[in-house]
Amino acid sequence: MADKKATKALTITLVKSPIGYSKRQKGTVKALGLRRINHSVTHDDTPVIRGMINKVGHLVQVEEN
């Protein structure tokens, strides 16, 4: 079997509440797995996740691992 490339991981932290923003943005935060302020999740660095981060970039902080 061929070796898989090591995928980078992203740690995403909710730093601002989605209250007062559209349902679509609240849904994106929820789909990322973020539940409360200062809650962090780790996802693989994929175009799908990057697109979600771009839509709610004003609410989250992203660190590359």
PDB file of N, CA and C in Angstrom:
ATOM      1  N   MET A   1       0.827  -1.183   0.000  1.00  0.00           N
ATOM      2  CA  MET A   1       0.000   0.000   0.000  1.00  0.00           C
ATOM      3  C   MET A   1       0.871   1.245   0.000  1.00  0.00           C
ATOM      4  N   ALA A   2       0.408   2.266  -0.659  1.00  0.00           N
ATOM      5  CA  ALA A   2       1.154   3.519  -0.709  1.00  0.00           C
ATOM      6  C   ALA A   2       0.971   4.281   0.594  1.00  0.00           C
ATOM      7  N   ASP A   3       2.008   4.967   0.994  1.00  0.00           N
ATOM      8  CA  ASP A   3       1.923   5.770   2.210  1.00  0.00           C
ATOM      9  C   ASP A   3       1.051   6.994   1.949  1.00  0.00           C
ATOM     10  N   LYS A   4       0.157   7.265   2.898  1.00  0.00           N
ATOM     11  CA  LYS A   4      -0.659   8.465   2.792  1.00  0.00           C
ATOM     12  C   LYS A   4       0.165   9.661   3.228  1.00  0.00           C
ATOM     13  N   LYS A   5      -0.100  10.787   2.594  1.00  0.00           N
ATOM     14  CA  LYS A   5       0.557  12.008   3.032  1.00  0.00           C
ATOM     15  C   LYS A   5      -0.006  12.381   4.395  1.00  0.00           C
ATOM     16  N   ALA A   6       0.822  12.890   5.242  1.00  0.00           N
ATOM     17  CA  ALA A   6       0.362  13.317   6.564  1.00  0.00           C
ATOM     18  C   ALA A   6      -0.486  14.572   6.383  1.00  0.00           C
ATOM     19  N   THR A   7      -1.754  14.465   6.713  1.00  0.00           N
ATOM     20  CA  THR A   7      -2.632  15.614   6.587  1.00  0.00           C
ATOM     21  C   THR A   7      -2.463  16.518   7.786  1.00  0.00           C
ATOM     22  N   LYS A   8      -2.490  17.792   7.526  1.00  0.00           N
ATOM     23  CA  LYS A   8      -2.387  18.762   8.603  1.00  0.00           C
ATOM     24  C   LYS A   8      -3.702  18.798   9.355  1.00  0.00           C
ATOM     25  N   ALA A   9      -3.612  19.143  10.608  1.00  0.00           N
ATOM     26  CA  ALA A   9      -4.811  19.274  11.422  1.00  0.00           C
ATOM     27  C   ALA A   9      -5.001  20.741  11.776  1.00  0.00           C
ATOM     28  N   LEU A  10      -6.251  21.122  11.941  1.00  0.00           N
ATOM     29  CA  LEU A  10      -6.591  22.480  12.338  1.00  0.00           C
ATOM     30  C   LEU A  10      -7.316  22.422  13.677  1.00  0.00           C
ATOM     31  N   THR A  11      -6.905  23.276  14.595  1.00  0.00           N
ATOM     32  CA  THR A  11      -7.633  23.415  15.849  1.00  0.00           C
ATOM     33  C   THR A  11      -8.463  24.683  15.738  1.00  0.00           C
ATOM     34  N   ILE A  12      -9.772  24.519  15.866  1.00  0.00           N
ATOM     35  CA  ILE A  12     -10.704  25.626  15.694  1.00  0.00           C
ATOM     36  C   ILE A  12     -11.325  25.915  17.049  1.00  0.00           C
ATOM     37  N   THR A  13     -11.286  27.186  17.465  1.00  0.00           N
ATOM     38  CA  THR A  13     -11.824  27.596  18.753  1.00  0.00           C
ATOM     39  C   THR A  13     -12.875  28.672  18.535  1.00  0.00           C
ATOM     40  N   LEU A  14     -14.027  28.507  19.170  1.00  0.00           N
ATOM     41  CA  LEU A  14     -15.084  29.516  19.105  1.00  0.00           C
ATOM     42  C   LEU A  14     -14.735  30.637  20.070  1.00  0.00           C
ATOM     43  N   VAL A  15     -14.531  31.853  19.562  1.00  0.00           N
ATOM     44  CA  VAL A  15     -14.125  32.968  20.408  1.00  0.00           C
ATOM     45  C   VAL A  15     -15.205  34.038  20.536  1.00  0.00           C
ATOM     46  N   LYS A  16     -16.252  33.938  19.731  1.00  0.00           N
ATOM     47  CA  LYS A  16     -17.346  34.903  19.796  1.00  0.00           C
ATOM     48  C   LYS A  16     -18.657  34.164  19.608  1.00  0.00           C
ATOM     49  N   SER A  17     -19.667  34.584  20.328  1.00  0.00           N
ATOM     50  CA  SER A  17     -20.963  33.917  20.274  1.00  0.00           C
ATOM     51  C   SER A  17     -21.650  34.139  18.925  1.00  0.00           C
ATOM     52  N   PRO A  18     -22.297  33.095  18.395  1.00  0.00           N
ATOM     53  CA  PRO A  18     -23.047  33.263  17.146  1.00  0.00           C
ATOM     54  C   PRO A  18     -24.438  33.873  17.351  1.00  0.00           C
ATOM     55  N   ILE A  19     -24.791  34.200  18.593  1.00  0.00           N
ATOM     56  CA  ILE A  19     -26.086  34.841  18.861  1.00  0.00           C
ATOM     57  C   ILE A  19     -26.117  36.176  18.121  1.00  0.00           C
ATOM     58  N   GLY A  20     -27.192  36.419  17.414  1.00  0.00           N
ATOM     59  CA  GLY A  20     -27.330  37.660  16.665  1.00  0.00           C
ATOM     60  C   GLY A  20     -26.901  37.540  15.219  1.00  0.00           C
ATOM     61  N   TYR A  21     -26.358  36.394  14.847  1.00  0.00           N
ATOM     62  CA  TYR A  21     -25.966  36.147  13.464  1.00  0.00           C
ATOM     63  C   TYR A  21     -27.012  35.248  12.807  1.00  0.00           C
ATOM     64  N   SER A  22     -26.908  35.075  11.511  1.00  0.00           N
ATOM     65  CA  SER A  22     -27.913  34.330  10.764  1.00  0.00           C
ATOM     66  C   SER A  22     -27.952  32.854  11.162  1.00  0.00           C
ATOM     67  N   LYS A  23     -29.073  32.205  10.866  1.00  0.00           N
ATOM     68  CA  LYS A  23     -29.213  30.772  11.132  1.00  0.00           C
ATOM     69  C   LYS A  23     -28.155  29.978  10.386  1.00  0.00           C
ATOM     70  N   ARG A  24     -27.818  30.452   9.213  1.00  0.00           N
ATOM     71  CA  ARG A  24     -26.821  29.763   8.398  1.00  0.00           C
ATOM     72  C   ARG A  24     -25.452  29.753   9.092  1.00  0.00           C
ATOM     73  N   GLN A  25     -25.065  30.886   9.672  1.00  0.00           N
ATOM     74  CA  GLN A  25     -23.793  30.951  10.381  1.00  0.00           C
ATOM     75  C   GLN A  25     -23.840  30.128  11.669  1.00  0.00           C
ATOM     76  N   LYS A  26     -24.968  30.156  12.363  1.00  0.00           N
ATOM     77  CA  LYS A  26     -25.124  29.326  13.561  1.00  0.00           C
ATOM     78  C   LYS A  26     -25.023  27.854  13.189  1.00  0.00           C
ATOM     79  N   GLY A  27     -25.609  27.482  12.071  1.00  0.00           N
ATOM     80  CA  GLY A  27     -25.541  26.098  11.601  1.00  0.00           C
ATOM     81  C   GLY A  27     -24.128  25.679  11.239  1.00  0.00           C
ATOM     82  N   THR A  28     -23.370  26.596  10.669  1.00  0.00           N
ATOM     83  CA  THR A  28     -21.982  26.300  10.321  1.00  0.00           C
ATOM     84  C   THR A  28     -21.150  26.077  11.575  1.00  0.00           C
ATOM     85  N   VAL A  29     -21.356  26.898  12.591  1.00  0.00           N
ATOM     86  CA  VAL A  29     -20.646  26.728  13.867  1.00  0.00           C
ATOM     87  C   VAL A  29     -20.994  25.371  14.468  1.00  0.00           C
ATOM     88  N   LYS A  30     -22.261  25.023  14.427  1.00  0.00           N
ATOM     89  CA  LYS A  30     -22.708  23.743  14.975  1.00  0.00           C
ATOM     90  C   LYS A  30     -22.121  22.578  14.167  1.00  0.00           C
ATOM     91  N   ALA A  31     -22.080  22.715  12.845  1.00  0.00           N
ATOM     92  CA  ALA A  31     -21.546  21.660  11.984  1.00  0.00           C
ATOM     93  C   ALA A  31     -20.045  21.449  12.211  1.00  0.00           C
ATOM     94  N   LEU A  32     -19.360  22.488  12.629  1.00  0.00           N
ATOM     95  CA  LEU A  32     -17.943  22.353  12.963  1.00  0.00           C
ATOM     96  C   LEU A  32     -17.751  21.632  14.291  1.00  0.00           C
ATOM     97  N   GLY A  33     -18.833  21.502  15.059  1.00  0.00           N
ATOM     98  CA  GLY A  33     -18.761  20.794  16.335  1.00  0.00           C
ATOM     99  C   GLY A  33     -18.503  21.704  17.516  1.00  0.00           C
ATOM    100  N   LEU A  34     -18.641  23.002  17.305  1.00  0.00           N
ATOM    101  CA  LEU A  34     -18.392  23.958  18.384  1.00  0.00           C
ATOM    102  C   LEU A  34     -19.680  24.194  19.168  1.00  0.00           C
ATOM    103  N   ARG A  35     -19.582  24.115  20.496  1.00  0.00           N
ATOM    104  CA  ARG A  35     -20.771  24.200  21.336  1.00  0.00           C
ATOM    105  C   ARG A  35     -20.840  25.468  22.169  1.00  0.00           C
ATOM    106  N   ARG A  36     -19.702  25.930  22.692  1.00  0.00           N
ATOM    107  CA  ARG A  36     -19.716  27.099  23.547  1.00  0.00           C
ATOM    108  C   ARG A  36     -18.424  27.897  23.347  1.00  0.00           C
ATOM    109  N   ILE A  37     -18.409  29.104  23.850  1.00  0.00           N
ATOM    110  CA  ILE A  37     -17.238  29.960  23.712  1.00  0.00           C
ATOM    111  C   ILE A  37     -16.043  29.285  24.381  1.00  0.00           C
ATOM    112  N   ASN A  38     -14.906  29.381  23.742  1.00  0.00           N
ATOM    113  CA  ASN A  38     -13.631  28.771  24.144  1.00  0.00           C
ATOM    114  C   ASN A  38     -13.614  27.251  23.982  1.00  0.00           C
ATOM    115  N   HIS A  39     -14.610  26.671  23.334  1.00  0.00           N
ATOM    116  CA  HIS A  39     -14.610  25.247  23.027  1.00  0.00           C
ATOM    117  C   HIS A  39     -13.771  25.055  21.766  1.00  0.00           C
ATOM    118  N   SER A  40     -12.896  24.062  21.781  1.00  0.00           N
ATOM    119  CA  SER A  40     -12.014  23.792  20.644  1.00  0.00           C
ATOM    120  C   SER A  40     -12.270  22.409  20.077  1.00  0.00           C
ATOM    121  N   VAL A  41     -12.142  22.293  18.774  1.00  0.00           N
ATOM    122  CA  VAL A  41     -12.237  21.007  18.093  1.00  0.00           C
ATOM    123  C   VAL A  41     -11.081  20.912  17.111  1.00  0.00           C
ATOM    124  N   THR A  42     -10.722  19.697  16.746  1.00  0.00           N
ATOM    125  CA  THR A  42      -9.661  19.468  15.777  1.00  0.00           C
ATOM    126  C   THR A  42     -10.249  18.773  14.557  1.00  0.00           C
ATOM    127  N   HIS A  43      -9.954  19.318  13.386  1.00  0.00           N
ATOM    128  CA  HIS A  43     -10.410  18.749  12.120  1.00  0.00           C
ATOM    129  C   HIS A  43      -9.212  18.642  11.185  1.00  0.00           C
ATOM    130  N   ASP A  44      -9.302  17.722  10.228  1.00  0.00           N
ATOM    131  CA  ASP A  44      -8.293  17.648   9.174  1.00  0.00           C
ATOM    132  C   ASP A  44      -8.410  18.885   8.299  1.00  0.00           C
ATOM    133  N   ASP A  45      -7.303  19.296   7.726  1.00  0.00           N
ATOM    134  CA  ASP A  45      -7.268  20.468   6.853  1.00  0.00           C
ATOM    135  C   ASP A  45      -7.754  20.064   5.465  1.00  0.00           C
ATOM    136  N   THR A  46      -9.041  20.244   5.218  1.00  0.00           N
ATOM    137  CA  THR A  46      -9.638  19.922   3.926  1.00  0.00           C
ATOM    138  C   THR A  46     -10.301  21.169   3.350  1.00  0.00           C
ATOM    139  N   PRO A  47     -10.543  21.194   2.053  1.00  0.00           N
ATOM    140  CA  PRO A  47     -11.220  22.349   1.455  1.00  0.00           C
ATOM    141  C   PRO A  47     -12.608  22.603   2.046  1.00  0.00           C
ATOM    142  N   VAL A  48     -13.312  21.546   2.436  1.00  0.00           N
ATOM    143  CA  VAL A  48     -14.645  21.702   3.019  1.00  0.00           C
ATOM    144  C   VAL A  48     -14.559  22.455   4.346  1.00  0.00           C
ATOM    145  N   ILE A  49     -13.644  22.031   5.198  1.00  0.00           N
ATOM    146  CA  ILE A  49     -13.474  22.671   6.503  1.00  0.00           C
ATOM    147  C   ILE A  49     -12.978  24.099   6.332  1.00  0.00           C
ATOM    148  N   ARG A  50     -12.058  24.309   5.399  1.00  0.00           N
ATOM    149  CA  ARG A  50     -11.565  25.671   5.138  1.00  0.00           C
ATOM    150  C   ARG A  50     -12.693  26.598   4.692  1.00  0.00           C
ATOM    151  N   GLY A  51     -13.597  26.095   3.868  1.00  0.00           N
ATOM    152  CA  GLY A  51     -14.731  26.894   3.424  1.00  0.00           C
ATOM    153  C   GLY A  51     -15.655  27.257   4.566  1.00  0.00           C
ATOM    154  N   MET A  52     -15.878  26.308   5.473  1.00  0.00           N
ATOM    155  CA  MET A  52     -16.719  26.581   6.642  1.00  0.00           C
ATOM    156  C   MET A  52     -16.061  27.635   7.534  1.00  0.00           C
ATOM    157  N   ILE A  53     -14.752  27.530   7.687  1.00  0.00           N
ATOM    158  CA  ILE A  53     -14.025  28.505   8.503  1.00  0.00           C
ATOM    159  C   ILE A  53     -14.114  29.891   7.881  1.00  0.00           C
ATOM    160  N   ASN A  54     -14.023  29.968   6.556  1.00  0.00           N
ATOM    161  CA  ASN A  54     -14.121  31.269   5.885  1.00  0.00           C
ATOM    162  C   ASN A  54     -15.464  31.934   6.120  1.00  0.00           C
ATOM    163  N   LYS A  55     -16.529  31.147   6.221  1.00  0.00           N
ATOM    164  CA  LYS A  55     -17.863  31.708   6.419  1.00  0.00           C
ATOM    165  C   LYS A  55     -18.079  32.240   7.829  1.00  0.00           C
ATOM    166  N   VAL A  56     -17.383  31.673   8.806  1.00  0.00           N
ATOM    167  CA  VAL A  56     -17.561  32.116  10.199  1.00  0.00           C
ATOM    168  C   VAL A  56     -16.222  32.556  10.799  1.00  0.00           C
ATOM    169  N   GLY A  57     -15.342  33.063   9.967  1.00  0.00           N
ATOM    170  CA  GLY A  57     -14.022  33.470  10.411  1.00  0.00           C
ATOM    171  C   GLY A  57     -14.028  34.550  11.471  1.00  0.00           C
ATOM    172  N   HIS A  58     -15.092  35.351  11.518  1.00  0.00           N
ATOM    173  CA  HIS A  58     -15.203  36.415  12.511  1.00  0.00           C
ATOM    174  C   HIS A  58     -15.608  35.874  13.884  1.00  0.00           C
ATOM    175  N   LEU A  59     -15.972  34.593  13.953  1.00  0.00           N
ATOM    176  CA  LEU A  59     -16.398  33.985  15.214  1.00  0.00           C
ATOM    177  C   LEU A  59     -15.382  32.993  15.769  1.00  0.00           C
ATOM    178  N   VAL A  60     -14.453  32.557  14.944  1.00  0.00           N
ATOM    179  CA  VAL A  60     -13.538  31.493  15.351  1.00  0.00           C
ATOM    180  C   VAL A  60     -12.076  31.924  15.224  1.00  0.00           C
ATOM    181  N   GLN A  61     -11.218  31.175  15.917  1.00  0.00           N
ATOM    182  CA  GLN A  61      -9.776  31.323  15.814  1.00  0.00           C
ATOM    183  C   GLN A  61      -9.224  29.988  15.351  1.00  0.00           C
ATOM    184  N   VAL A  62      -8.310  29.996  14.410  1.00  0.00           N
ATOM    185  CA  VAL A  62      -7.794  28.763  13.822  1.00  0.00           C
ATOM    186  C   VAL A  62      -6.290  28.672  14.035  1.00  0.00           C
ATOM    187  N   GLU A  63      -5.839  27.497  14.469  1.00  0.00           N
ATOM    188  CA  GLU A  63      -4.415  27.219  14.619  1.00  0.00           C
ATOM    189  C   GLU A  63      -4.088  25.972  13.817  1.00  0.00           C
ATOM    190  N   GLU A  64      -2.989  26.031  13.074  1.00  0.00           N
ATOM    191  CA  GLU A  64      -2.535  24.862  12.316  1.00  0.00           C
ATOM    192  C   GLU A  64      -1.652  24.009  13.207  1.00  0.00           C
ATOM    193  N   ASN A  65      -1.865  22.693  13.182  1.00  0.00           N
ATOM    194  CA  ASN A  65      -1.041  21.781  13.978  1.00  0.00           C
ATOM    195  C   ASN A  65      -0.066  21.052  13.104  1.00  0.00           C
TER     196      ASN A  65
END
